[in-house]
PDB file of N, CA and C in Angstrom:
ATOM      1  N   MET A   1     111.276 197.792 145.931  1.00  0.00           N
ATOM      2  CA  MET A   1     110.923 198.700 147.004  1.00  0.00           C
ATOM      3  C   MET A   1     109.350 198.659 147.312  1.00  0.00           C
ATOM      4  N   TRP A   2     108.583 198.551 146.264  1.00  0.00           N
ATOM      5  CA  TRP A   2     107.172 198.505 146.400  1.00  0.00           C
ATOM      6  C   TRP A   2     106.706 197.158 146.958  1.00  0.00           C
ATOM      7  N   ARG A   3     107.383 196.170 146.683  1.00  0.00           N
ATOM      8  CA  ARG A   3     106.886 194.825 147.135  1.00  0.00           C
ATOM      9  C   ARG A   3     106.590 194.716 148.657  1.00  0.00           C
ATOM     10  N   PRO A   4     107.544 195.026 149.503  1.00  0.00           N
ATOM     11  CA  PRO A   4     107.484 194.978 150.893  1.00  0.00           C
ATOM     12  C   PRO A   4     106.280 195.915 151.566  1.00  0.00           C
ATOM     13  N   THR A   5     106.182 197.088 150.778  1.00  0.00           N
ATOM     14  CA  THR A   5     105.082 198.040 151.187  1.00  0.00           C
ATOM     15  C   THR A   5     103.708 197.515 150.865  1.00  0.00           C
ATOM     16  N   LEU A   6     103.547 196.925 149.710  1.00  0.00           N
ATOM     17  CA  LEU A   6     102.267 196.399 149.183  1.00  0.00           C
ATOM     18  C   LEU A   6     101.928 195.148 150.003  1.00  0.00           C
ATOM     19  N   THR A   7     102.999 194.360 150.411  1.00  0.00           N
ATOM     20  CA  THR A   7     102.634 193.143 151.277  1.00  0.00           C
ATOM     21  C   THR A   7     102.141 193.627 152.643  1.00  0.00           C
ATOM     22  N   LEU A   8     102.765 194.480 153.166  1.00  0.00           N
ATOM     23  CA  LEU A   8     102.446 195.098 154.525  1.00  0.00           C
ATOM     24  C   LEU A   8     100.954 195.749 154.498  1.00  0.00           C
ATOM     25  N   LEU A   9     100.864 196.444 153.436  1.00  0.00           N
ATOM     26  CA  LEU A   9      99.371 197.070 153.286  1.00  0.00           C
ATOM     27  C   LEU A   9      98.328 195.995 152.991  1.00  0.00           C
ATOM     28  N   SER A  10      98.670 195.023 152.311  1.00  0.00           N
ATOM     29  CA  SER A  10      97.557 193.844 152.006  1.00  0.00           C
ATOM     30  C   SER A  10      97.433 193.091 153.475  1.00  0.00           C
ATOM     31  N   PHE A  11      98.459 192.901 154.184  1.00  0.00           N
ATOM     32  CA  PHE A  11      98.328 192.118 155.446  1.00  0.00           C
ATOM     33  C   PHE A  11      97.395 193.095 156.433  1.00  0.00           C
ATOM     34  N   LEU A  12      97.659 194.357 156.572  1.00  0.00           N
ATOM     35  CA  LEU A  12      96.949 195.298 157.297  1.00  0.00           C
ATOM     36  C   LEU A  12      95.389 195.400 156.960  1.00  0.00           C
ATOM     37  N   LEU A  13      95.237 195.382 155.628  1.00  0.00           N
ATOM     38  CA  LEU A  13      93.801 195.471 155.127  1.00  0.00           C
ATOM     39  C   LEU A  13      93.160 194.254 155.278  1.00  0.00           C
ATOM     40  N   SER A  14      93.801 193.058 155.242  1.00  0.00           N
ATOM     41  CA  SER A  14      93.204 191.779 155.587  1.00  0.00           C
ATOM     42  C   SER A  14      92.857 191.692 157.066  1.00  0.00           C
ATOM     43  N   PHE A  15      93.711 192.132 157.952  1.00  0.00           N
ATOM     44  CA  PHE A  15      93.426 192.183 159.283  1.00  0.00           C
ATOM     45  C   PHE A  15      92.344 193.072 159.723  1.00  0.00           C
ATOM     46  N   ALA A  16      92.258 194.325 159.101  1.00  0.00           N
ATOM     47  CA  ALA A  16      91.136 195.287 159.330  1.00  0.00           C
ATOM     48  C   ALA A  16      89.840 194.695 158.858  1.00  0.00           C
ATOM     49  N   SER A  17      89.909 194.099 157.660  1.00  0.00           N
ATOM     50  CA  SER A  17      88.530 193.569 157.254  1.00  0.00           C
ATOM     51  C   SER A  17      88.129 192.381 158.019  1.00  0.00           C
ATOM     52  N   ASP A  18      89.048 191.518 158.508  1.00  0.00           N
ATOM     53  CA  ASP A  18      88.515 190.431 159.402  1.00  0.00           C
ATOM     54  C   ASP A  18      88.005 191.094 160.649  1.00  0.00           C
ATOM     55  N   TYR A  19      88.643 191.955 161.264  1.00  0.00           N
ATOM     56  CA  TYR A  19      88.183 192.525 162.514  1.00  0.00           C
ATOM     57  C   TYR A  19      86.814 193.194 162.334  1.00  0.00           C
ATOM     58  N   LEU A  20      86.763 194.082 161.231  1.00  0.00           N
ATOM     59  CA  LEU A  20      85.452 194.809 161.050  1.00  0.00           C
ATOM     60  C   LEU A  20      84.405 194.058 160.538  1.00  0.00           C
ATOM     61  N   VAL A  21      84.534 193.122 159.754  1.00  0.00           N
ATOM     62  CA  VAL A  21      83.458 192.390 159.165  1.00  0.00           C
ATOM     63  C   VAL A  21      82.960 191.247 160.066  1.00  0.00           C
ATOM     64  N   SER A  22      83.859 190.601 160.690  1.00  0.00           N
ATOM     65  CA  SER A  22      83.386 189.572 161.627  1.00  0.00           C
ATOM     66  C   SER A  22      83.153 190.234 163.075  1.00  0.00           C
ATOM     67  N   ASN A  23      82.339 189.530 163.805  1.00  0.00           N
ATOM     68  CA  ASN A  23      81.972 190.089 165.145  1.00  0.00           C
ATOM     69  C   ASN A  23      82.823 189.367 166.270  1.00  0.00           C
ATOM     70  N   ARG A  24      84.052 189.128 165.889  1.00  0.00           N
ATOM     71  CA  ARG A  24      84.913 188.449 166.800  1.00  0.00           C
ATOM     72  C   ARG A  24      85.810 189.525 167.395  1.00  0.00           C
ATOM     73  N   SER A  25      86.331 189.233 168.648  1.00  0.00           N
ATOM     74  CA  SER A  25      87.328 190.038 169.295  1.00  0.00           C
ATOM     75  C   SER A  25      88.724 189.836 168.614  1.00  0.00           C
ATOM     76  N   VAL A  26      89.509 190.815 168.777  1.00  0.00           N
ATOM     77  CA  VAL A  26      90.886 190.771 168.271  1.00  0.00           C
ATOM     78  C   VAL A  26      91.763 189.586 168.797  1.00  0.00           C
ATOM     79  N   SER A  27      91.446 189.142 170.056  1.00  0.00           N
ATOM     80  CA  SER A  27      92.138 188.052 170.693  1.00  0.00           C
ATOM     81  C   SER A  27      91.966 186.678 169.963  1.00  0.00           C
ATOM     82  N   ILE A  28      90.766 186.663 169.200  1.00  0.00           N
ATOM     83  CA  ILE A  28      90.445 185.400 168.527  1.00  0.00           C
ATOM     84  C   ILE A  28      91.153 185.455 167.111  1.00  0.00           C
ATOM     85  N   ILE A  29      91.286 186.654 166.471  1.00  0.00           N
ATOM     86  CA  ILE A  29      91.915 186.772 165.201  1.00  0.00           C
ATOM     87  C   ILE A  29      93.446 186.788 165.260  1.00  0.00           C
ATOM     88  N   VAL A  30      93.998 187.442 166.205  1.00  0.00           N
ATOM     89  CA  VAL A  30      95.476 187.596 166.252  1.00  0.00           C
ATOM     90  C   VAL A  30      96.290 186.244 166.174  1.00  0.00           C
ATOM     91  N   PRO A  31      96.035 185.142 166.804  1.00  0.00           N
ATOM     92  CA  PRO A  31      96.774 183.995 166.720  1.00  0.00           C
ATOM     93  C   PRO A  31      96.976 183.491 165.111  1.00  0.00           C
ATOM     94  N   GLY A  32      95.886 183.663 164.269  1.00  0.00           N
ATOM     95  CA  GLY A  32      96.082 183.214 162.936  1.00  0.00           C
ATOM     96  C   GLY A  32      96.917 184.143 162.260  1.00  0.00           C
ATOM     97  N   TYR A  33      96.968 185.415 162.415  1.00  0.00           N
ATOM     98  CA  TYR A  33      97.884 186.412 161.801  1.00  0.00           C
ATOM     99  C   TYR A  33      99.209 186.244 162.400  1.00  0.00           C
ATOM    100  N   GLY A  34      99.362 185.863 163.643  1.00  0.00           N
ATOM    101  CA  GLY A  34     100.715 185.654 164.185  1.00  0.00           C
ATOM    102  C   GLY A  34     101.319 184.421 163.616  1.00  0.00           C
ATOM    103  N   ALA A  35     100.515 183.283 163.229  1.00  0.00           N
ATOM    104  CA  ALA A  35     101.090 182.196 162.509  1.00  0.00           C
ATOM    105  C   ALA A  35     101.499 182.556 161.094  1.00  0.00           C
ATOM    106  N   LEU A  36     100.700 183.509 160.579  1.00  0.00           N
ATOM    107  CA  LEU A  36     101.080 183.831 159.144  1.00  0.00           C
ATOM    108  C   LEU A  36     102.395 184.627 159.112  1.00  0.00           C
ATOM    109  N   VAL A  37     102.594 185.586 160.111  1.00  0.00           N
ATOM    110  CA  VAL A  37     103.833 186.219 160.211  1.00  0.00           C
ATOM    111  C   VAL A  37     105.045 185.357 160.501  1.00  0.00           C
ATOM    112  N   LEU A  38     104.850 184.386 161.395  1.00  0.00           N
ATOM    113  CA  LEU A  38     105.940 183.372 161.671  1.00  0.00           C
ATOM    114  C   LEU A  38     106.239 182.541 160.448  1.00  0.00           C
ATOM    115  N   HIS A  39     105.259 182.214 159.605  1.00  0.00           N
ATOM    116  CA  HIS A  39     105.438 181.509 158.451  1.00  0.00           C
ATOM    117  C   HIS A  39     106.196 182.387 157.426  1.00  0.00           C
ATOM    118  N   GLY A  40     105.867 183.450 157.374  1.00  0.00           N
ATOM    119  CA  GLY A  40     106.503 184.409 156.297  1.00  0.00           C
ATOM    120  C   GLY A  40     107.969 184.670 156.773  1.00  0.00           C
ATOM    121  N   MET A  41     108.265 184.828 158.013  1.00  0.00           N
ATOM    122  CA  MET A  41     109.560 184.993 158.503  1.00  0.00           C
ATOM    123  C   MET A  41     110.425 183.656 158.251  1.00  0.00           C
ATOM    124  N   SER A  42     109.897 182.584 158.552  1.00  0.00           N
ATOM    125  CA  SER A  42     110.601 181.401 158.272  1.00  0.00           C
ATOM    126  C   SER A  42     110.956 181.025 156.827  1.00  0.00           C
ATOM    127  N   THR A  43     109.907 181.561 155.942  1.00  0.00           N
ATOM    128  CA  THR A  43     110.194 181.322 154.542  1.00  0.00           C
ATOM    129  C   THR A  43     111.147 182.236 154.102  1.00  0.00           C
ATOM    130  N   TYR A  44     111.250 183.466 154.493  1.00  0.00           N
ATOM    131  CA  TYR A  44     112.254 184.361 154.106  1.00  0.00           C
ATOM    132  C   TYR A  44     113.586 183.948 154.592  1.00  0.00           C
ATOM    133  N   ALA A  45     113.633 183.392 155.823  1.00  0.00           N
ATOM    134  CA  ALA A  45     114.929 182.943 156.281  1.00  0.00           C
ATOM    135  C   ALA A  45     115.489 181.623 155.505  1.00  0.00           C
ATOM    136  N   LEU A  46     114.512 180.772 155.063  1.00  0.00           N
ATOM    137  CA  LEU A  46     114.956 179.611 154.241  1.00  0.00           C
ATOM    138  C   LEU A  46     115.380 180.134 152.961  1.00  0.00           C
ATOM    139  N   GLU A  47     114.678 181.058 152.240  1.00  0.00           N
ATOM    140  CA  GLU A  47     115.153 181.577 151.023  1.00  0.00           C
ATOM    141  C   GLU A  47     116.531 182.246 151.083  1.00  0.00           C
ATOM    142  N   HIS A  48     116.771 183.070 152.188  1.00  0.00           N
ATOM    143  CA  HIS A  48     118.000 183.744 152.409  1.00  0.00           C
ATOM    144  C   HIS A  48     119.133 182.661 152.633  1.00  0.00           C
ATOM    145  N   LEU A  49     118.921 181.672 153.320  1.00  0.00           N
ATOM    146  CA  LEU A  49     119.785 180.546 153.561  1.00  0.00           C
ATOM    147  C   LEU A  49     120.198 179.836 152.228  1.00  0.00           C
ATOM    148  N   ARG A  50     119.119 179.516 151.411  1.00  0.00           N
ATOM    149  CA  ARG A  50     119.386 178.930 150.173  1.00  0.00           C
ATOM    150  C   ARG A  50     120.223 179.875 149.206  1.00  0.00           C
ATOM    151  N   GLY A  51     119.778 181.185 149.214  1.00  0.00           N
ATOM    152  CA  GLY A  51     120.611 182.124 148.380  1.00  0.00           C
ATOM    153  C   GLY A  51     121.967 182.254 148.850  1.00  0.00           C
ATOM    154  N   VAL A  52     122.312 182.246 150.031  1.00  0.00           N
ATOM    155  CA  VAL A  52     123.594 182.340 150.576  1.00  0.00           C
ATOM    156  C   VAL A  52     124.506 181.060 150.205  1.00  0.00           C
ATOM    157  N   LEU A  53     123.826 179.869 150.554  1.00  0.00           N
ATOM    158  CA  LEU A  53     124.645 178.702 150.415  1.00  0.00           C
ATOM    159  C   LEU A  53     124.641 178.203 148.950  1.00  0.00           C
ATOM    160  N   ALA A  54     123.691 178.465 148.031  1.00  0.00           N
ATOM    161  CA  ALA A  54     123.677 177.946 146.821  1.00  0.00           C
ATOM    162  C   ALA A  54     124.939 178.127 145.941  1.00  0.00           C
ATOM    163  N   PRO A  55     125.512 179.188 145.889  1.00  0.00           N
ATOM    164  CA  PRO A  55     126.730 179.422 145.101  1.00  0.00           C
ATOM    165  C   PRO A  55     127.878 178.546 145.646  1.00  0.00           C
ATOM    166  N   THR A  56     128.034 178.267 146.770  1.00  0.00           N
ATOM    167  CA  THR A  56     129.062 177.612 147.399  1.00  0.00           C
ATOM    168  C   THR A  56     128.960 176.085 147.687  1.00  0.00           C
ATOM    169  N   VAL A  57     127.704 175.730 147.985  1.00  0.00           N
ATOM    170  CA  VAL A  57     127.446 174.339 148.513  1.00  0.00           C
ATOM    171  C   VAL A  57     126.473 173.676 147.449  1.00  0.00           C
ATOM    172  N   ASN A  58     126.599 172.299 147.388  1.00  0.00           N
ATOM    173  CA  ASN A  58     125.700 171.574 146.470  1.00  0.00           C
ATOM    174  C   ASN A  58     124.319 171.776 146.928  1.00  0.00           C
ATOM    175  N   PRO A  59     123.283 171.807 146.018  1.00  0.00           N
ATOM    176  CA  PRO A  59     121.854 172.075 146.367  1.00  0.00           C
ATOM    177  C   PRO A  59     121.289 171.008 147.345  1.00  0.00           C
ATOM    178  N   THR A  60     121.804 169.661 147.119  1.00  0.00           N
ATOM    179  CA  THR A  60     121.411 168.644 147.890  1.00  0.00           C
ATOM    180  C   THR A  60     121.689 168.891 149.309  1.00  0.00           C
ATOM    181  N   LEU A  61     122.991 169.381 149.493  1.00  0.00           N
ATOM    182  CA  LEU A  61     123.421 169.538 150.978  1.00  0.00           C
ATOM    183  C   LEU A  61     122.708 170.866 151.516  1.00  0.00           C
ATOM    184  N   THR A  62     122.239 171.822 150.723  1.00  0.00           N
ATOM    185  CA  THR A  62     121.450 172.915 151.155  1.00  0.00           C
ATOM    186  C   THR A  62     120.140 172.503 151.661  1.00  0.00           C
ATOM    187  N   THR A  63     119.449 171.571 150.833  1.00  0.00           N
ATOM    188  CA  THR A  63     118.186 171.035 151.223  1.00  0.00           C
ATOM    189  C   THR A  63     118.371 170.166 152.509  1.00  0.00           C
ATOM    190  N   ALA A  64     119.478 169.443 152.662  1.00  0.00           N
ATOM    191  CA  ALA A  64     119.692 168.587 153.977  1.00  0.00           C
ATOM    192  C   ALA A  64     119.786 169.591 155.145  1.00  0.00           C
ATOM    193  N   ALA A  65     120.528 170.543 154.898  1.00  0.00           N
ATOM    194  CA  ALA A  65     120.711 171.556 156.058  1.00  0.00           C
ATOM    195  C   ALA A  65     119.457 172.150 156.465  1.00  0.00           C
ATOM    196  N   SER A  66     118.517 172.564 155.491  1.00  0.00           N
ATOM    197  CA  SER A  66     117.416 173.139 155.816  1.00  0.00           C
ATOM    198  C   SER A  66     116.404 172.288 156.488  1.00  0.00           C
ATOM    199  N   THR A  67     116.366 171.026 156.064  1.00  0.00           N
ATOM    200  CA  THR A  67     115.596 169.968 156.733  1.00  0.00           C
ATOM    201  C   THR A  67     116.129 169.708 158.070  1.00  0.00           C
ATOM    202  N   LEU A  68     117.423 169.536 158.272  1.00  0.00           N
ATOM    203  CA  LEU A  68     117.830 169.338 159.636  1.00  0.00           C
ATOM    204  C   LEU A  68     117.499 170.545 160.642  1.00  0.00           C
ATOM    205  N   GLY A  69     117.594 171.778 160.102  1.00  0.00           N
ATOM    206  CA  GLY A  69     117.249 173.014 160.874  1.00  0.00           C
ATOM    207  C   GLY A  69     115.840 172.949 161.272  1.00  0.00           C
ATOM    208  N   ALA A  70     115.005 172.583 160.319  1.00  0.00           N
ATOM    209  CA  ALA A  70     113.489 172.522 160.611  1.00  0.00           C
ATOM    210  C   ALA A  70     113.172 171.392 161.681  1.00  0.00           C
ATOM    211  N   ALA A  71     113.964 170.396 161.496  1.00  0.00           N
ATOM    212  CA  ALA A  71     113.818 169.354 162.436  1.00  0.00           C
ATOM    213  C   ALA A  71     114.163 169.593 163.902  1.00  0.00           C
ATOM    214  N   LEU A  72     115.298 170.445 164.019  1.00  0.00           N
ATOM    215  CA  LEU A  72     115.826 170.791 165.309  1.00  0.00           C
ATOM    216  C   LEU A  72     114.924 171.862 165.894  1.00  0.00           C
ATOM    217  N   ILE A  73     114.201 172.646 165.087  1.00  0.00           N
ATOM    218  CA  ILE A  73     113.260 173.552 165.602  1.00  0.00           C
ATOM    219  C   ILE A  73     111.919 172.878 165.864  1.00  0.00           C
ATOM    220  N   GLY A  74     111.444 172.008 164.960  1.00  0.00           N
ATOM    221  CA  GLY A  74     110.134 171.458 165.159  1.00  0.00           C
ATOM    222  C   GLY A  74     110.021 170.398 166.139  1.00  0.00           C
ATOM    223  N   LEU A  75     111.014 169.563 166.244  1.00  0.00           N
ATOM    224  CA  LEU A  75     110.968 168.357 167.180  1.00  0.00           C
ATOM    225  C   LEU A  75     110.774 168.797 168.650  1.00  0.00           C
ATOM    226  N   PRO A  76     111.483 169.783 169.209  1.00  0.00           N
ATOM    227  CA  PRO A  76     111.174 170.126 170.604  1.00  0.00           C
ATOM    228  C   PRO A  76     109.787 170.727 170.702  1.00  0.00           C
ATOM    229  N   LEU A  77     109.166 171.478 169.681  1.00  0.00           N
ATOM    230  CA  LEU A  77     107.938 171.892 169.734  1.00  0.00           C
ATOM    231  C   LEU A  77     106.860 170.758 169.710  1.00  0.00           C
ATOM    232  N   TYR A  78     107.168 169.660 168.919  1.00  0.00           N
ATOM    233  CA  TYR A  78     106.414 168.608 168.795  1.00  0.00           C
ATOM    234  C   TYR A  78     106.371 167.737 170.173  1.00  0.00           C
ATOM    235  N   ALA A  79     107.546 167.679 170.732  1.00  0.00           N
ATOM    236  CA  ALA A  79     107.682 167.098 171.999  1.00  0.00           C
ATOM    237  C   ALA A  79     106.952 167.709 173.132  1.00  0.00           C
ATOM    238  N   PHE A  80     106.993 169.072 173.106  1.00  0.00           N
ATOM    239  CA  PHE A  80     106.284 169.901 174.162  1.00  0.00           C
ATOM    240  C   PHE A  80     104.793 169.795 173.947  1.00  0.00           C
ATOM    241  N   ARG A  81     104.322 169.662 172.688  1.00  0.00           N
ATOM    242  CA  ARG A  81     102.847 169.492 172.501  1.00  0.00           C
ATOM    243  C   ARG A  81     102.488 168.032 172.951  1.00  0.00           C
ATOM    244  N   GLN A  82     103.254 167.116 172.628  1.00  0.00           N
ATOM    245  CA  GLN A  82     102.883 165.710 172.980  1.00  0.00           C
ATOM    246  C   GLN A  82     102.904 165.714 174.580  1.00  0.00           C
ATOM    247  N   ALA A  83     103.732 166.296 175.245  1.00  0.00           N
ATOM    248  CA  ALA A  83     103.875 166.283 176.676  1.00  0.00           C
ATOM    249  C   ALA A  83     102.617 167.049 177.204  1.00  0.00           C
ATOM    250  N   ILE A  84     102.132 168.034 176.623  1.00  0.00           N
ATOM    251  CA  ILE A  84     100.877 168.613 177.158  1.00  0.00           C
ATOM    252  C   ILE A  84      99.703 167.815 176.801  1.00  0.00           C
ATOM    253  N   VAL A  85      99.540 167.369 175.639  1.00  0.00           N
ATOM    254  CA  VAL A  85      98.408 166.659 175.226  1.00  0.00           C
ATOM    255  C   VAL A  85      98.129 165.368 175.956  1.00  0.00           C
ATOM    256  N   CYS A  86      99.299 164.517 175.872  1.00  0.00           N
ATOM    257  CA  CYS A  86      99.239 163.155 176.440  1.00  0.00           C
ATOM    258  C   CYS A  86      99.793 163.008 177.803  1.00  0.00           C
ATOM    259  N   THR A  87      99.248 163.871 178.665  1.00  0.00           N
ATOM    260  CA  THR A  87      99.756 163.862 180.145  1.00  0.00           C
ATOM    261  C   THR A  87      99.295 162.600 180.789  1.00  0.00           C
ATOM    262  N   SER A  88      98.170 161.980 180.298  1.00  0.00           N
ATOM    263  CA  SER A  88      97.630 160.847 181.083  1.00  0.00           C
ATOM    264  C   SER A  88      98.571 159.612 180.678  1.00  0.00           C
ATOM    265  N   HIS A  89      99.011 159.492 179.411  1.00  0.00           N
ATOM    266  CA  HIS A  89      99.931 158.331 179.205  1.00  0.00           C
ATOM    267  C   HIS A  89     101.252 159.002 178.508  1.00  0.00           C
ATOM    268  N   LEU A  90     102.005 159.639 179.284  1.00  0.00           N
ATOM    269  CA  LEU A  90     103.181 160.317 178.828  1.00  0.00           C
ATOM    270  C   LEU A  90     104.354 159.352 178.549  1.00  0.00           C
ATOM    271  N   GLY A  91     104.453 158.417 179.492  1.00  0.00           N
ATOM    272  CA  GLY A  91     105.663 157.484 179.482  1.00  0.00           C
ATOM    273  C   GLY A  91     105.911 156.865 177.928  1.00  0.00           C
ATOM    274  N   LEU A  92     105.236 155.734 177.757  1.00  0.00           N
ATOM    275  CA  LEU A  92     105.511 154.910 176.604  1.00  0.00           C
ATOM    276  C   LEU A  92     105.066 155.715 175.255  1.00  0.00           C
ATOM    277  N   SER A  93     103.911 156.480 175.380  1.00  0.00           N
ATOM    278  CA  SER A  93     103.269 157.091 174.164  1.00  0.00           C
ATOM    279  C   SER A  93     104.275 158.030 173.657  1.00  0.00           C
ATOM    280  N   PHE A  94     104.825 158.905 174.470  1.00  0.00           N
ATOM    281  CA  PHE A  94     105.743 160.029 174.136  1.00  0.00           C
ATOM    282  C   PHE A  94     106.993 159.547 173.578  1.00  0.00           C
ATOM    283  N   GLN A  95     107.663 158.522 174.247  1.00  0.00           N
ATOM    284  CA  GLN A  95     108.728 158.000 173.641  1.00  0.00           C
ATOM    285  C   GLN A  95     108.657 157.187 172.294  1.00  0.00           C
ATOM    286  N   HIS A  96     107.447 156.527 172.134  1.00  0.00           N
ATOM    287  CA  HIS A  96     107.211 155.936 170.940  1.00  0.00           C
ATOM    288  C   HIS A  96     106.952 156.902 169.727  1.00  0.00           C
ATOM    289  N   HIS A  97     106.229 157.940 170.031  1.00  0.00           N
ATOM    290  CA  HIS A  97     106.007 158.941 168.977  1.00  0.00           C
ATOM    291  C   HIS A  97     107.310 159.805 168.543  1.00  0.00           C
ATOM    292  N   SER A  98     108.051 160.088 169.539  1.00  0.00           N
ATOM    293  CA  SER A  98     109.312 160.768 169.174  1.00  0.00           C
ATOM    294  C   SER A  98     110.248 159.892 168.500  1.00  0.00           C
ATOM    295  N   THR A  99     110.380 158.523 168.812  1.00  0.00           N
ATOM    296  CA  THR A  99     111.265 157.582 168.076  1.00  0.00           C
ATOM    297  C   THR A  99     110.872 157.338 166.709  1.00  0.00           C
ATOM    298  N   VAL A 100     109.437 157.171 166.498  1.00  0.00           N
ATOM    299  CA  VAL A 100     108.980 156.926 165.115  1.00  0.00           C
ATOM    300  C   VAL A 100     109.204 158.288 164.283  1.00  0.00           C
ATOM    301  N   LEU A 101     109.072 159.531 164.883  1.00  0.00           N
ATOM    302  CA  LEU A 101     109.304 160.664 164.199  1.00  0.00           C
ATOM    303  C   LEU A 101     110.748 160.981 163.766  1.00  0.00           C
ATOM    304  N   TYR A 102     111.800 160.597 164.644  1.00  0.00           N
ATOM    305  CA  TYR A 102     113.093 160.651 164.354  1.00  0.00           C
ATOM    306  C   TYR A 102     113.457 159.578 163.274  1.00  0.00           C
ATOM    307  N   ARG A 103     113.048 158.512 163.362  1.00  0.00           N
ATOM    308  CA  ARG A 103     113.356 157.458 162.284  1.00  0.00           C
ATOM    309  C   ARG A 103     112.764 157.932 160.923  1.00  0.00           C
ATOM    310  N   TRP A 104     111.550 158.485 160.877  1.00  0.00           N
ATOM    311  CA  TRP A 104     110.999 158.929 159.680  1.00  0.00           C
ATOM    312  C   TRP A 104     111.726 160.097 159.051  1.00  0.00           C
ATOM    313  N   ILE A 105     112.214 160.937 159.775  1.00  0.00           N
ATOM    314  CA  ILE A 105     112.911 162.152 159.207  1.00  0.00           C
ATOM    315  C   ILE A 105     114.200 161.629 158.689  1.00  0.00           C
ATOM    316  N   PHE A 106     115.046 160.903 159.488  1.00  0.00           N
ATOM    317  CA  PHE A 106     116.320 160.433 158.902  1.00  0.00           C
ATOM    318  C   PHE A 106     116.086 159.474 157.728  1.00  0.00           C
ATOM    319  N   ARG A 107     115.101 158.689 157.637  1.00  0.00           N
ATOM    320  CA  ARG A 107     114.865 157.773 156.523  1.00  0.00           C
ATOM    321  C   ARG A 107     114.497 158.527 155.276  1.00  0.00           C
ATOM    322  N   GLN A 108     113.516 159.512 155.505  1.00  0.00           N
ATOM    323  CA  GLN A 108     112.890 160.198 154.237  1.00  0.00           C
ATOM    324  C   GLN A 108     113.811 161.344 153.791  1.00  0.00           C
ATOM    325  N   HIS A 109     114.348 162.123 154.679  1.00  0.00           N
ATOM    326  CA  HIS A 109     114.992 163.389 154.238  1.00  0.00           C
ATOM    327  C   HIS A 109     116.562 163.470 154.305  1.00  0.00           C
ATOM    328  N   LEU A 110     117.130 162.711 155.084  1.00  0.00           N
ATOM    329  CA  LEU A 110     118.568 162.785 155.274  1.00  0.00           C
ATOM    330  C   LEU A 110     119.201 161.437 154.844  1.00  0.00           C
ATOM    331  N   SER A 111     118.498 160.593 154.016  1.00  0.00           N
ATOM    332  CA  SER A 111     119.183 159.359 153.598  1.00  0.00           C
ATOM    333  C   SER A 111     120.020 159.608 152.418  1.00  0.00           C
ATOM    334  N   PHE A 112     119.768 160.712 151.708  1.00  0.00           N
ATOM    335  CA  PHE A 112     120.527 160.988 150.458  1.00  0.00           C
ATOM    336  C   PHE A 112     122.017 161.542 150.610  1.00  0.00           C
ATOM    337  N   LEU A 113     122.413 161.774 151.974  1.00  0.00           N
ATOM    338  CA  LEU A 113     123.764 162.253 152.284  1.00  0.00           C
ATOM    339  C   LEU A 113     124.669 161.204 152.077  1.00  0.00           C
TER     340      LEU A 113
END
């Protein structure tokens, strides 16, 4: 019961100290803390998934499912980033990077199935 409360209090203390000590506005500090919250939520979801699937499914398959889920979430974000960053050479460059990324994911992480 104390763990979530202490985590939240430490998070708020860190945010308050960053805001008060640095001479930056909140709009500069908030994206970093937003990324931290998103990372915490995704880590919690992964641990919950592993806890639910571990008793019934092979651990290798659990790892494969979490890797596939991360790829399904991450690849559209990566593609969107590439589309925004590489607008001048979107055609071949975007297709080449996404193909290389797909091959790497399947070769490295899903080959043990």
